[in-house]
Amino acid sequence: MKNENELVNRQTVSVYLKNNFDLPDEQITFMLDSLSVSLNKEFGRAEKALLLADIITIEECAHAIKGSLLNAGVENWAQIARIIELGVKKKEQLDFKKLFLKLRRGVKALL
């Protein structure tokens, strides 16, 4: 997926995992389910951290989401997580809440 605005779907990620890792269908299903659990956990943590302005946790969540998405071949949306992560590190004045919402909408099918 190259277009940042292209929404993710489970089928695309499934094909990516099958083509790149030559995994059986059961393992792909397990990986997709694990991805869902991980993303939901990190988005939940990020939501709380945003309310508390906890920049350390915001950065950790963005980093974890970025890694999960890169492992699933979802580079376009992983870049949004990277922007958040680097923005926190560089103390940039970005609307992190808006970026997380955009990211969450983009990967909604994986949650």
N, C-alpha and C. Protein backbone atom coordinates (compact mmCIF):
# COMPACT_ATOMS: atom_id res chain seq x y z
N MET A 1 0.84 -1.19 0.00
CA MET A 1 0.00 0.00 0.00
C MET A 1 0.88 1.24 0.00
N LYS A 2 0.70 2.06 -0.97
CA LYS A 2 1.53 3.25 -1.10
C LYS A 2 0.80 4.52 -0.67
N ASN A 3 -0.49 4.57 -0.91
CA ASN A 3 -1.27 5.78 -0.64
C ASN A 3 -1.61 5.87 0.83
N GLU A 4 -1.21 6.98 1.45
CA GLU A 4 -1.47 7.19 2.88
C GLU A 4 -2.95 7.11 3.20
N ASN A 5 -3.80 7.52 2.26
CA ASN A 5 -5.24 7.55 2.52
C ASN A 5 -5.95 6.25 2.20
N GLU A 6 -5.21 5.28 1.68
CA GLU A 6 -5.81 3.99 1.35
C GLU A 6 -6.05 3.20 2.64
N LEU A 7 -7.29 2.82 2.86
CA LEU A 7 -7.62 2.08 4.07
C LEU A 7 -7.07 0.66 3.97
N VAL A 8 -6.69 0.14 5.10
CA VAL A 8 -6.15 -1.22 5.19
C VAL A 8 -7.32 -2.20 5.25
N ASN A 9 -7.10 -3.39 4.69
CA ASN A 9 -8.07 -4.46 4.90
C ASN A 9 -7.33 -5.74 5.24
N ARG A 10 -8.01 -6.62 5.92
CA ARG A 10 -7.40 -7.86 6.39
C ARG A 10 -6.90 -8.73 5.24
N GLN A 11 -7.61 -8.71 4.13
CA GLN A 11 -7.23 -9.54 2.99
C GLN A 11 -5.86 -9.11 2.44
N THR A 12 -5.64 -7.81 2.32
CA THR A 12 -4.36 -7.32 1.81
C THR A 12 -3.22 -7.73 2.73
N VAL A 13 -3.44 -7.60 4.02
CA VAL A 13 -2.41 -8.00 4.98
C VAL A 13 -2.20 -9.50 4.94
N SER A 14 -3.27 -10.25 4.80
CA SER A 14 -3.18 -11.71 4.71
C SER A 14 -2.33 -12.11 3.50
N VAL A 15 -2.57 -11.49 2.37
CA VAL A 15 -1.80 -11.79 1.16
C VAL A 15 -0.33 -11.42 1.37
N TYR A 16 -0.08 -10.27 1.98
CA TYR A 16 1.29 -9.85 2.26
C TYR A 16 2.00 -10.90 3.13
N LEU A 17 1.36 -11.33 4.20
CA LEU A 17 1.97 -12.32 5.09
C LEU A 17 2.22 -13.63 4.38
N LYS A 18 1.26 -14.06 3.57
CA LYS A 18 1.40 -15.33 2.85
C LYS A 18 2.55 -15.24 1.84
N ASN A 19 2.62 -14.15 1.10
CA ASN A 19 3.64 -14.00 0.06
C ASN A 19 5.04 -13.79 0.63
N ASN A 20 5.14 -13.10 1.75
CA ASN A 20 6.45 -12.77 2.29
C ASN A 20 6.99 -13.77 3.30
N PHE A 21 6.11 -14.52 3.93
CA PHE A 21 6.55 -15.43 4.98
C PHE A 21 6.17 -16.88 4.73
N ASP A 22 5.41 -17.12 3.65
CA ASP A 22 5.02 -18.48 3.27
C ASP A 22 4.44 -19.26 4.47
N LEU A 23 3.46 -18.64 5.11
CA LEU A 23 2.85 -19.22 6.31
C LEU A 23 1.56 -19.95 5.95
N PRO A 24 1.23 -20.99 6.72
CA PRO A 24 -0.08 -21.64 6.52
C PRO A 24 -1.21 -20.70 6.96
N ASP A 25 -2.39 -20.96 6.45
CA ASP A 25 -3.55 -20.10 6.73
C ASP A 25 -3.82 -19.94 8.23
N GLU A 26 -3.65 -21.02 9.00
CA GLU A 26 -3.91 -20.93 10.45
C GLU A 26 -2.97 -19.93 11.11
N GLN A 27 -1.71 -19.94 10.68
CA GLN A 27 -0.72 -19.03 11.25
C GLN A 27 -1.03 -17.58 10.86
N ILE A 28 -1.49 -17.38 9.65
CA ILE A 28 -1.85 -16.03 9.21
C ILE A 28 -3.03 -15.52 10.02
N THR A 29 -4.02 -16.37 10.24
CA THR A 29 -5.17 -15.99 11.06
C THR A 29 -4.71 -15.63 12.47
N PHE A 30 -3.82 -16.43 13.03
CA PHE A 30 -3.28 -16.15 14.36
C PHE A 30 -2.56 -14.81 14.38
N MET A 31 -1.75 -14.55 13.36
CA MET A 31 -1.00 -13.29 13.30
C MET A 31 -1.93 -12.09 13.16
N LEU A 32 -2.98 -12.22 12.36
CA LEU A 32 -3.94 -11.13 12.21
C LEU A 32 -4.68 -10.87 13.53
N ASP A 33 -5.04 -11.95 14.21
CA ASP A 33 -5.70 -11.79 15.52
C ASP A 33 -4.76 -11.14 16.54
N SER A 34 -3.50 -11.55 16.53
CA SER A 34 -2.51 -10.97 17.44
C SER A 34 -2.27 -9.49 17.12
N LEU A 35 -2.24 -9.18 15.83
CA LEU A 35 -2.09 -7.79 15.41
C LEU A 35 -3.25 -6.95 15.93
N SER A 36 -4.45 -7.48 15.83
CA SER A 36 -5.64 -6.78 16.31
C SER A 36 -5.54 -6.49 17.81
N VAL A 37 -5.16 -7.50 18.57
CA VAL A 37 -5.03 -7.34 20.02
C VAL A 37 -3.98 -6.27 20.34
N SER A 38 -2.84 -6.35 19.67
CA SER A 38 -1.76 -5.41 19.92
C SER A 38 -2.15 -3.98 19.56
N LEU A 39 -2.76 -3.80 18.39
CA LEU A 39 -3.16 -2.45 17.98
C LEU A 39 -4.22 -1.88 18.90
N ASN A 40 -5.20 -2.69 19.27
CA ASN A 40 -6.25 -2.22 20.18
C ASN A 40 -5.65 -1.80 21.52
N LYS A 41 -4.72 -2.59 22.02
CA LYS A 41 -4.07 -2.27 23.30
C LYS A 41 -3.33 -0.93 23.19
N GLU A 42 -2.55 -0.77 22.14
CA GLU A 42 -1.75 0.43 22.00
C GLU A 42 -2.59 1.67 21.73
N PHE A 43 -3.65 1.54 20.94
CA PHE A 43 -4.54 2.68 20.72
C PHE A 43 -5.24 3.07 22.01
N GLY A 44 -5.61 2.09 22.82
CA GLY A 44 -6.22 2.38 24.13
C GLY A 44 -5.25 3.11 25.05
N ARG A 45 -4.01 2.63 25.09
CA ARG A 45 -2.97 3.30 25.89
C ARG A 45 -2.73 4.71 25.40
N ALA A 46 -2.70 4.87 24.08
CA ALA A 46 -2.45 6.20 23.50
C ALA A 46 -3.57 7.16 23.86
N GLU A 47 -4.80 6.67 23.81
CA GLU A 47 -5.94 7.53 24.14
C GLU A 47 -5.82 8.07 25.56
N LYS A 48 -5.49 7.20 26.49
CA LYS A 48 -5.31 7.62 27.88
C LYS A 48 -4.12 8.56 28.01
N ALA A 49 -3.04 8.25 27.34
CA ALA A 49 -1.84 9.08 27.42
C ALA A 49 -2.09 10.47 26.85
N LEU A 50 -2.89 10.55 25.79
CA LEU A 50 -3.22 11.86 25.22
C LEU A 50 -4.01 12.70 26.21
N LEU A 51 -4.93 12.07 26.92
CA LEU A 51 -5.72 12.80 27.92
C LEU A 51 -4.84 13.34 29.05
N LEU A 52 -3.81 12.57 29.38
CA LEU A 52 -2.92 12.94 30.48
C LEU A 52 -1.70 13.73 30.01
N ALA A 53 -1.59 13.94 28.70
CA ALA A 53 -0.40 14.58 28.11
C ALA A 53 0.88 13.85 28.52
N ASP A 54 0.80 12.53 28.56
CA ASP A 54 1.92 11.67 28.92
C ASP A 54 2.75 11.39 27.67
N ILE A 55 3.71 12.26 27.38
CA ILE A 55 4.43 12.16 26.12
C ILE A 55 5.29 10.90 26.01
N ILE A 56 5.77 10.39 27.11
CA ILE A 56 6.57 9.16 27.07
C ILE A 56 5.71 8.01 26.57
N THR A 57 4.51 7.87 27.11
CA THR A 57 3.62 6.79 26.69
C THR A 57 3.12 7.01 25.27
N ILE A 58 2.88 8.25 24.89
CA ILE A 58 2.46 8.55 23.51
C ILE A 58 3.53 8.06 22.54
N GLU A 59 4.78 8.36 22.85
CA GLU A 59 5.88 7.91 21.99
C GLU A 59 5.98 6.38 21.96
N GLU A 60 5.86 5.75 23.12
CA GLU A 60 5.92 4.29 23.19
C GLU A 60 4.82 3.65 22.34
N CYS A 61 3.62 4.19 22.44
CA CYS A 61 2.48 3.65 21.69
C CYS A 61 2.70 3.81 20.19
N ALA A 62 3.15 4.98 19.79
CA ALA A 62 3.41 5.22 18.37
C ALA A 62 4.48 4.26 17.86
N HIS A 63 5.51 4.06 18.65
CA HIS A 63 6.59 3.14 18.27
C HIS A 63 6.05 1.71 18.11
N ALA A 64 5.26 1.26 19.07
CA ALA A 64 4.71 -0.10 19.02
C ALA A 64 3.76 -0.27 17.83
N ILE A 65 2.92 0.71 17.58
CA ILE A 65 1.99 0.65 16.45
C ILE A 65 2.77 0.63 15.15
N LYS A 66 3.79 1.47 15.05
CA LYS A 66 4.64 1.52 13.85
C LYS A 66 5.24 0.14 13.58
N GLY A 67 5.80 -0.48 14.58
CA GLY A 67 6.42 -1.80 14.42
C GLY A 67 5.42 -2.86 14.00
N SER A 68 4.26 -2.84 14.62
CA SER A 68 3.22 -3.82 14.28
C SER A 68 2.79 -3.67 12.83
N LEU A 69 2.60 -2.43 12.41
CA LEU A 69 2.16 -2.18 11.04
C LEU A 69 3.25 -2.52 10.02
N LEU A 70 4.49 -2.22 10.34
CA LEU A 70 5.58 -2.58 9.42
C LEU A 70 5.69 -4.09 9.27
N ASN A 71 5.53 -4.80 10.36
CA ASN A 71 5.58 -6.27 10.31
C ASN A 71 4.45 -6.85 9.46
N ALA A 72 3.36 -6.11 9.37
CA ALA A 72 2.20 -6.56 8.59
C ALA A 72 2.23 -6.01 7.16
N GLY A 73 3.27 -5.27 6.82
CA GLY A 73 3.38 -4.74 5.47
C GLY A 73 2.55 -3.50 5.20
N VAL A 74 2.16 -2.81 6.25
CA VAL A 74 1.29 -1.63 6.12
C VAL A 74 2.15 -0.37 6.29
N GLU A 75 3.04 -0.18 5.35
CA GLU A 75 4.04 0.88 5.46
C GLU A 75 3.43 2.28 5.43
N ASN A 76 2.40 2.48 4.63
CA ASN A 76 1.83 3.82 4.51
C ASN A 76 1.29 4.31 5.85
N TRP A 77 0.60 3.47 6.58
CA TRP A 77 0.04 3.89 7.87
C TRP A 77 1.10 3.85 8.97
N ALA A 78 2.10 3.00 8.82
CA ALA A 78 3.21 3.00 9.78
C ALA A 78 3.94 4.34 9.76
N GLN A 79 3.92 5.00 8.61
CA GLN A 79 4.58 6.30 8.51
C GLN A 79 3.88 7.36 9.37
N ILE A 80 2.58 7.25 9.51
CA ILE A 80 1.85 8.18 10.39
C ILE A 80 2.30 7.95 11.84
N ALA A 81 2.43 6.69 12.23
CA ALA A 81 2.92 6.38 13.58
C ALA A 81 4.33 6.91 13.76
N ARG A 82 5.14 6.82 12.72
CA ARG A 82 6.52 7.34 12.76
C ARG A 82 6.51 8.86 12.94
N ILE A 83 5.61 9.54 12.26
CA ILE A 83 5.50 11.00 12.41
C ILE A 83 5.18 11.35 13.86
N ILE A 84 4.27 10.60 14.46
CA ILE A 84 3.92 10.84 15.86
C ILE A 84 5.14 10.59 16.74
N GLU A 85 5.77 9.44 16.56
CA GLU A 85 6.92 9.07 17.38
C GLU A 85 8.04 10.12 17.28
N LEU A 86 8.40 10.50 16.07
CA LEU A 86 9.47 11.48 15.90
C LEU A 86 9.04 12.87 16.36
N GLY A 87 7.76 13.19 16.17
CA GLY A 87 7.25 14.48 16.63
C GLY A 87 7.37 14.63 18.13
N VAL A 88 7.10 13.57 18.86
CA VAL A 88 7.25 13.61 20.32
C VAL A 88 8.72 13.76 20.67
N LYS A 89 9.58 12.95 20.03
CA LYS A 89 11.02 13.01 20.33
C LYS A 89 11.58 14.40 20.09
N LYS A 90 11.12 15.04 19.01
CA LYS A 90 11.65 16.36 18.64
C LYS A 90 10.88 17.51 19.28
N LYS A 91 9.89 17.14 20.12
CA LYS A 91 9.06 18.14 20.82
C LYS A 91 8.38 19.09 19.84
N GLU A 92 7.92 18.52 18.72
CA GLU A 92 7.21 19.32 17.72
C GLU A 92 5.79 19.59 18.19
N GLN A 93 5.25 20.68 17.76
CA GLN A 93 3.88 21.06 18.11
C GLN A 93 2.91 20.49 17.08
N LEU A 94 2.70 19.19 17.16
CA LEU A 94 1.77 18.50 16.26
C LEU A 94 0.50 18.16 17.01
N ASP A 95 -0.57 17.99 16.29
CA ASP A 95 -1.83 17.56 16.88
C ASP A 95 -1.81 16.03 16.94
N PHE A 96 -1.20 15.50 18.00
CA PHE A 96 -1.03 14.07 18.13
C PHE A 96 -2.37 13.34 18.19
N LYS A 97 -3.35 13.95 18.83
CA LYS A 97 -4.67 13.33 18.91
C LYS A 97 -5.25 13.15 17.51
N LYS A 98 -5.16 14.18 16.71
CA LYS A 98 -5.68 14.12 15.34
C LYS A 98 -4.94 13.06 14.52
N LEU A 99 -3.63 12.98 14.69
CA LEU A 99 -2.84 11.99 13.97
C LEU A 99 -3.20 10.56 14.38
N PHE A 100 -3.38 10.34 15.71
CA PHE A 100 -3.79 9.01 16.17
C PHE A 100 -5.18 8.65 15.64
N LEU A 101 -6.09 9.62 15.61
CA LEU A 101 -7.43 9.36 15.08
C LEU A 101 -7.38 8.99 13.61
N LYS A 102 -6.58 9.71 12.85
CA LYS A 102 -6.41 9.40 11.42
C LYS A 102 -5.83 8.00 11.25
N LEU A 103 -4.84 7.69 12.04
CA LEU A 103 -4.20 6.38 11.99
C LEU A 103 -5.19 5.27 12.34
N ARG A 104 -5.94 5.49 13.39
CA ARG A 104 -6.92 4.49 13.82
C ARG A 104 -7.98 4.25 12.74
N ARG A 105 -8.46 5.32 12.12
CA ARG A 105 -9.44 5.16 11.04
C ARG A 105 -8.84 4.39 9.86
N GLY A 106 -7.59 4.66 9.57
CA GLY A 106 -6.94 4.01 8.44
C GLY A 106 -6.74 2.52 8.61
N VAL A 107 -6.55 2.08 9.85
CA VAL A 107 -6.29 0.66 10.09
C VAL A 107 -7.48 -0.02 10.78
N LYS A 108 -8.60 0.64 10.75
CA LYS A 108 -9.81 0.16 11.44
C LYS A 108 -10.14 -1.31 11.15
N ALA A 109 -9.93 -1.74 9.92
CA ALA A 109 -10.27 -3.12 9.55
C ALA A 109 -9.39 -4.15 10.26
N LEU A 110 -8.27 -3.71 10.81
CA LEU A 110 -7.38 -4.64 11.51
C LEU A 110 -7.66 -4.69 13.01
N LEU A 111 -8.52 -3.81 13.50
CA LEU A 111 -8.80 -3.75 14.95
C LEU A 111 -9.81 -4.78 15.38
